[in-house]
Amino acid sequence: MRQAVLCVFLSLVATAGCAEYRLVVPARVPMANAYSLETQIPWSELSRSRDTIWTVDGPLLDQVRFTAGLAAGDVLFPESVATQPPRVFPGMMPTDVVDFLSDSLRGTGVHAVTTRHLKPRPFGAVQGFQFEVEFIAQDGLERSGIVAGAMIKNKLYVIMYAAARQHYFAKYREEVLRLLDSIVLL
């Protein structure tokens, strides 16, 4: 009897945890009421208040995080444990965004954050930026990533792909670059 109750409980917990995700099929998908992009592969999507996370193999192994327009004073990661998390400020330049993202990541407890290869990148019809990031997460897993974004109407839009450095980063890198190439402003 106890085993049956335990199985039912574990099933409910597992189902509740999965209920937040929905399938994103290959198509053009609107994002943050600001732009759309086109995916070539299916993803699992978890939507939060201002962030949307896409994953194929699970968010600990690979994820693309779409952050809706951040206004002056907003933080990138609301779950930050930092006492003074970095905040968006008016007139941020791409170099400021690199520092903002690095400091924001550190505020979540990751370490060994490095960034490189900052360059201009079209974000739909506006000029945006792209750079690479590497860090070690709290679980000890080394992650690599690509960050892209733009300031649009005084709001910062950020797309961050981060995946386990071994295997998963390379596995979805080209798909993420295709996503970035497909951005169309709404």
Protein backbone atom coordinates (compact mmCIF):
# COMPACT_ATOMS: atom_id res chain seq x y z
CA MET A 1 0.00 0.00 0.00
CA ARG A 2 2.77 2.46 0.94
CA GLN A 3 4.53 1.70 -2.34
CA ALA A 4 1.35 2.43 -4.30
CA VAL A 5 0.85 5.73 -2.49
CA LEU A 6 4.51 6.63 -3.08
CA CYS A 7 4.20 5.81 -6.81
CA VAL A 8 1.07 7.96 -7.15
CA PHE A 9 2.77 10.83 -5.29
CA LEU A 10 5.91 10.62 -7.43
CA SER A 11 3.79 10.51 -10.59
CA LEU A 12 1.91 13.64 -9.52
CA VAL A 13 5.17 15.44 -8.71
CA ALA A 14 6.69 14.44 -12.04
CA THR A 15 3.57 15.47 -13.94
CA ALA A 16 3.36 18.80 -12.13
CA GLY A 17 7.00 19.53 -12.96
CA CYS A 18 6.43 18.79 -16.63
CA ALA A 19 3.16 20.69 -16.91
CA GLU A 20 4.94 24.01 -17.29
CA TYR A 21 6.60 23.03 -20.58
CA ARG A 22 4.94 23.16 -23.96
CA LEU A 23 6.13 21.98 -27.36
CA VAL A 24 7.41 24.53 -29.88
CA VAL A 25 7.18 23.03 -33.36
CA PRO A 26 9.34 24.20 -36.27
CA ALA A 27 7.71 27.47 -37.38
CA ARG A 28 7.99 31.24 -37.05
CA VAL A 29 7.42 32.07 -33.40
CA PRO A 30 6.61 35.51 -31.90
CA MET A 31 8.74 36.44 -28.90
CA ALA A 32 8.21 39.11 -26.23
CA ASN A 33 5.75 41.03 -28.44
CA ALA A 34 8.82 42.56 -30.06
CA TYR A 35 10.19 40.14 -32.64
CA SER A 36 9.72 36.74 -34.18
CA LEU A 37 12.18 34.05 -35.13
CA GLU A 38 12.03 30.78 -37.01
CA THR A 39 13.06 27.45 -35.55
CA GLN A 40 14.01 24.45 -37.67
CA ILE A 41 13.74 21.93 -34.82
CA PRO A 42 11.22 21.28 -32.04
CA TRP A 43 11.95 22.70 -28.58
CA SER A 44 10.37 22.42 -25.15
CA GLU A 45 9.36 25.86 -23.85
CA LEU A 46 9.06 27.14 -20.31
CA SER A 47 7.60 30.63 -19.99
CA ARG A 48 8.18 32.81 -16.98
CA SER A 49 7.02 36.35 -16.33
CA ARG A 50 9.50 38.01 -18.69
CA ASP A 51 11.75 35.14 -19.75
CA THR A 52 11.11 32.25 -22.09
CA ILE A 53 13.43 29.24 -22.02
CA TRP A 54 13.74 26.74 -24.84
CA THR A 55 15.51 23.40 -24.41
CA VAL A 56 15.84 20.12 -26.26
CA ASP A 57 17.68 17.86 -23.82
CA GLY A 58 16.80 19.67 -20.58
CA PRO A 59 17.71 23.12 -19.22
CA LEU A 60 20.75 21.83 -17.33
CA LEU A 61 22.27 20.57 -20.59
CA ASP A 62 21.09 23.14 -23.13
CA GLN A 63 18.90 26.21 -23.07
CA VAL A 64 18.11 29.31 -25.04
CA ARG A 65 16.86 32.06 -22.75
CA PHE A 66 14.89 34.88 -24.35
CA THR A 67 14.65 37.89 -22.05
CA ALA A 68 11.96 40.42 -22.89
CA GLY A 69 12.82 44.09 -23.04
CA LEU A 70 14.57 45.18 -19.87
CA ALA A 71 14.03 48.82 -18.92
CA ALA A 72 16.38 51.03 -16.93
CA GLY A 73 16.74 49.63 -13.41
CA ASP A 74 15.82 46.03 -14.33
CA VAL A 75 18.06 43.07 -13.50
CA LEU A 76 18.81 40.21 -15.90
CA PHE A 77 18.35 37.35 -13.44
CA PRO A 78 15.68 38.02 -10.80
CA GLU A 79 16.87 34.87 -9.01
CA SER A 80 20.26 36.51 -8.36
CA VAL A 81 21.70 36.04 -4.90
CA ALA A 82 23.82 39.18 -5.22
CA THR A 83 23.01 41.92 -2.74
CA GLN A 84 23.51 44.55 -5.43
CA PRO A 85 22.73 42.86 -8.77
CA PRO A 86 23.73 44.84 -11.86
CA ARG A 87 20.94 46.84 -13.44
CA VAL A 88 20.15 48.06 -16.93
CA PHE A 89 20.90 51.72 -17.44
CA PRO A 90 19.99 54.12 -20.27
CA GLY A 91 22.39 54.28 -23.19
CA MET A 92 24.04 50.90 -22.59
CA MET A 93 26.63 50.12 -25.22
CA PRO A 94 27.48 46.53 -26.26
CA THR A 95 30.61 46.60 -24.04
CA ASP A 96 28.37 47.59 -21.12
CA VAL A 97 26.08 44.63 -21.89
CA VAL A 98 29.07 42.25 -21.78
CA ASP A 99 29.95 43.52 -18.29
CA PHE A 100 26.27 43.49 -17.27
CA LEU A 101 25.87 39.87 -18.36
CA SER A 102 29.14 38.72 -16.76
CA ASP A 103 28.32 40.39 -13.45
CA SER A 104 24.72 39.12 -13.61
CA LEU A 105 25.92 35.54 -14.13
CA ARG A 106 28.33 35.83 -11.20
CA GLY A 107 25.39 37.02 -9.09
CA THR A 108 23.66 33.68 -9.69
CA GLY A 109 26.60 31.82 -8.18
CA VAL A 110 28.47 30.73 -11.30
CA HIS A 111 32.21 31.32 -11.53
CA ALA A 112 35.08 31.48 -14.00
CA VAL A 113 32.99 33.69 -16.32
CA THR A 114 34.86 34.69 -19.47
CA THR A 115 33.58 36.56 -22.51
CA ARG A 116 35.13 37.08 -25.92
CA HIS A 117 34.54 37.94 -29.55
CA LEU A 118 32.14 40.86 -29.11
CA LYS A 119 30.94 41.92 -32.54
CA PRO A 120 28.06 43.74 -34.20
CA ARG A 121 25.14 41.54 -35.28
CA PRO A 122 21.88 42.48 -36.93
CA PHE A 123 18.90 41.95 -34.63
CA GLY A 124 16.13 42.08 -37.16
CA ALA A 125 16.29 45.54 -38.74
CA VAL A 126 18.38 47.13 -35.95
CA GLN A 127 22.07 46.85 -35.16
CA GLY A 128 22.67 44.59 -32.21
CA PHE A 129 25.60 42.64 -30.79
CA GLN A 130 26.86 39.13 -30.25
CA PHE A 131 29.56 37.63 -28.04
CA GLU A 132 30.60 34.29 -26.59
CA VAL A 133 30.58 33.35 -22.93
CA GLU A 134 31.97 30.48 -20.88
CA PHE A 135 31.40 29.74 -17.21
CA ILE A 136 31.26 27.01 -14.62
CA ALA A 137 27.82 26.56 -13.09
CA GLN A 138 27.11 25.83 -9.45
CA ASP A 139 26.76 22.15 -10.34
CA GLY A 140 30.36 22.17 -11.60
CA LEU A 141 29.37 21.71 -15.24
CA GLU A 142 31.38 23.79 -17.71
CA ARG A 143 29.11 25.69 -20.07
CA SER A 144 29.70 27.61 -23.28
CA GLY A 145 27.31 30.08 -24.78
CA ILE A 146 26.38 32.69 -27.32
CA VAL A 147 24.73 35.93 -26.30
CA ALA A 148 22.98 38.24 -28.75
CA GLY A 149 20.71 41.19 -28.33
CA ALA A 150 19.92 44.81 -28.98
CA MET A 151 18.60 47.98 -27.44
CA ILE A 152 15.17 48.60 -28.97
CA LYS A 153 13.13 51.64 -27.88
CA ASN A 154 15.31 52.04 -24.76
CA LYS A 155 14.83 48.41 -23.73
CA LEU A 156 17.45 45.67 -23.72
CA TYR A 157 16.52 42.39 -25.42
CA VAL A 158 18.85 39.48 -24.73
CA ILE A 159 19.01 35.98 -26.18
CA MET A 160 21.44 33.71 -24.36
CA TYR A 161 22.28 30.19 -25.48
CA ALA A 162 24.16 28.20 -22.85
CA ALA A 163 24.94 24.49 -22.97
CA ALA A 164 27.26 21.93 -21.49
CA ARG A 165 30.60 22.58 -23.16
CA GLN A 166 31.12 18.94 -24.05
CA HIS A 167 28.76 17.71 -26.75
CA TYR A 168 25.66 19.89 -26.20
CA PHE A 169 27.08 23.31 -27.07
CA ALA A 170 28.23 22.15 -30.50
CA LYS A 171 25.08 20.05 -30.99
CA TYR A 172 22.74 23.10 -31.11
CA ARG A 173 25.16 25.93 -31.96
CA GLU A 174 24.24 26.10 -35.66
CA GLU A 175 20.50 25.97 -34.92
CA VAL A 176 20.88 28.87 -32.49
CA LEU A 177 22.80 30.90 -35.08
CA ARG A 178 19.97 30.19 -37.58
CA LEU A 179 17.47 31.43 -34.96
CA LEU A 180 19.44 34.66 -34.59
CA ASP A 181 19.65 35.10 -38.37
CA SER A 182 15.87 34.70 -38.66
CA ILE A 183 14.87 37.54 -36.28
CA VAL A 184 12.23 39.90 -37.67
CA LEU A 185 11.05 42.86 -35.58
CA LEU A 186 7.30 43.13 -35.08
